[in-house]
Amino acid sequence: MNHKARALWLVAGLAVAGAAFVAQAAKPSTTPQQRKAAVETIKRNHKQFNATQPRTIAQANATKAPLAAGGGAMRAPTELWNHLAVQRDAQGTAYQVETTNGAQAPVLREEQAK
């Protein structure tokens, strides 16, 4: 690659980086009151989601809705949710544990990335 091409790519990169910086600077930062209001809204939405989430398959069947493409949709009951956790063994190696419907599933040890 010749020097003119390198200079062109350098200028183009700086222009993109500068545009991103200007776009970030144009967005006003939120005040503590705005952040607190946003957190409260998120908490309220989370509580409403869990309050309406069906617990059993029979309750989930009541949430069935047809889709325009001909399929259907429904909310997944919480009794079918899997839960993931990370635990450490005696040597301190982290491994992933998955539980299904409250029962302990076979432990799958994931190699710890170094």
Protein backbone atom coordinates (compact mmCIF):
# COMPACT_ATOMS: atom_id res chain seq x y z
CA MET A 1 0.00 0.00 0.00
CA ASN A 2 1.47 3.34 -0.97
CA HIS A 3 1.76 6.40 1.25
CA LYS A 4 -1.19 8.21 -0.31
CA ALA A 5 -3.53 5.29 0.40
CA ARG A 6 -2.32 5.05 4.00
CA ALA A 7 -2.82 8.78 4.49
CA LEU A 8 -6.31 8.53 3.01
CA TRP A 9 -7.26 5.70 5.36
CA LEU A 10 -5.81 7.59 8.32
CA VAL A 11 -7.82 10.71 7.49
CA ALA A 12 -10.97 8.63 6.96
CA GLY A 13 -10.48 6.93 10.33
CA LEU A 14 -9.97 10.24 12.08
CA ALA A 15 -13.11 11.61 10.44
CA VAL A 16 -15.19 8.65 11.65
CA ALA A 17 -13.74 8.90 15.16
CA GLY A 18 -14.38 12.64 15.22
CA ALA A 19 -17.97 12.16 14.08
CA ALA A 20 -18.56 9.62 16.85
CA PHE A 21 -17.09 12.01 19.41
CA VAL A 22 -19.27 14.88 18.20
CA ALA A 23 -22.38 12.69 18.29
CA GLN A 24 -21.60 11.64 21.87
CA ALA A 25 -20.92 15.23 22.92
CA ALA A 26 -24.19 16.43 21.36
CA LYS A 27 -26.20 14.10 23.60
CA PRO A 28 -26.70 15.88 26.94
CA SER A 29 -25.82 13.89 30.00
CA THR A 30 -28.65 12.89 32.30
CA THR A 31 -29.14 14.49 35.68
CA PRO A 32 -29.26 12.37 38.83
CA GLN A 33 -33.03 12.87 38.96
CA GLN A 34 -33.41 11.60 35.37
CA ARG A 35 -31.25 8.56 36.10
CA LYS A 36 -33.26 7.81 39.27
CA ALA A 37 -36.55 8.12 37.34
CA ALA A 38 -35.21 5.78 34.64
CA VAL A 39 -34.16 3.21 37.27
CA GLU A 40 -37.60 3.38 38.90
CA THR A 41 -39.26 2.84 35.51
CA ILE A 42 -37.07 -0.20 34.86
CA LYS A 43 -37.86 -1.64 38.31
CA ARG A 44 -41.60 -1.09 37.80
CA ASN A 45 -41.48 -2.75 34.36
CA HIS A 46 -39.53 -5.69 35.78
CA LYS A 47 -42.07 -6.20 38.58
CA GLN A 48 -44.96 -6.02 36.10
CA PHE A 49 -43.24 -8.56 33.84
CA ASN A 50 -42.76 -11.06 36.66
CA ALA A 51 -46.30 -10.49 37.96
CA THR A 52 -47.81 -11.43 34.59
CA GLN A 53 -45.42 -14.25 33.69
CA PRO A 54 -47.28 -17.60 33.71
CA ARG A 55 -45.97 -20.15 36.17
CA THR A 56 -47.39 -23.36 34.65
CA ILE A 57 -47.96 -24.68 31.14
CA ALA A 58 -51.74 -24.46 31.65
CA GLN A 59 -51.44 -20.75 32.48
CA ALA A 60 -49.12 -20.24 29.50
CA ASN A 61 -51.67 -21.78 27.11
CA ALA A 62 -53.99 -18.88 27.95
CA THR A 63 -51.40 -16.44 26.54
CA LYS A 64 -51.40 -17.97 23.03
CA ALA A 65 -51.70 -15.40 20.26
CA PRO A 66 -51.78 -15.93 16.50
CA LEU A 67 -49.12 -14.27 14.37
CA ALA A 68 -49.69 -12.63 11.00
CA ALA A 69 -47.38 -15.13 9.29
CA GLY A 70 -49.62 -18.01 10.40
CA GLY A 71 -47.65 -19.17 13.43
CA GLY A 72 -48.35 -18.57 17.06
CA ALA A 73 -46.70 -17.10 20.13
CA MET A 74 -47.09 -17.54 23.85
CA ARG A 75 -45.19 -16.66 26.99
CA ALA A 76 -42.91 -19.37 28.36
CA PRO A 77 -43.92 -20.59 31.81
CA THR A 78 -41.41 -20.16 34.60
CA GLU A 79 -41.46 -23.88 35.38
CA LEU A 80 -39.65 -24.44 32.06
CA TRP A 81 -36.95 -21.83 32.67
CA ASN A 82 -33.37 -23.01 33.12
CA HIS A 83 -31.16 -21.31 35.67
CA LEU A 84 -27.43 -20.86 35.19
CA ALA A 85 -24.90 -20.20 37.93
CA VAL A 86 -21.14 -20.14 38.22
CA GLN A 87 -19.51 -21.93 41.13
CA ARG A 88 -15.93 -22.60 42.15
CA ASP A 89 -14.52 -25.98 43.10
CA ALA A 90 -11.97 -26.65 45.84
CA GLN A 91 -9.09 -25.62 43.54
CA GLY A 92 -10.77 -22.32 42.73
CA THR A 93 -11.65 -23.22 39.13
CA ALA A 94 -14.92 -21.69 37.97
CA TYR A 95 -17.51 -23.95 36.40
CA GLN A 96 -21.06 -23.49 35.17
CA VAL A 97 -24.02 -25.20 36.81
CA GLU A 98 -27.42 -25.42 35.13
CA THR A 99 -30.62 -26.32 36.96
CA THR A 100 -33.83 -27.26 35.21
CA ASN A 101 -37.21 -26.85 36.89
CA GLY A 102 -35.66 -26.80 40.35
CA ALA A 103 -33.76 -30.10 39.90
CA GLN A 104 -29.99 -30.23 39.82
CA ALA A 105 -28.81 -31.11 36.31
CA PRO A 106 -25.51 -32.81 35.53
CA VAL A 107 -22.66 -30.43 36.18
CA LEU A 108 -20.90 -29.21 33.05
CA ARG A 109 -17.43 -27.91 33.74
CA GLU A 110 -16.44 -25.13 31.38
CA GLU A 111 -12.77 -24.47 30.79
CA GLN A 112 -11.81 -21.18 32.36
CA ALA A 113 -10.55 -18.78 29.70
CA LYS A 114 -7.15 -17.38 30.48
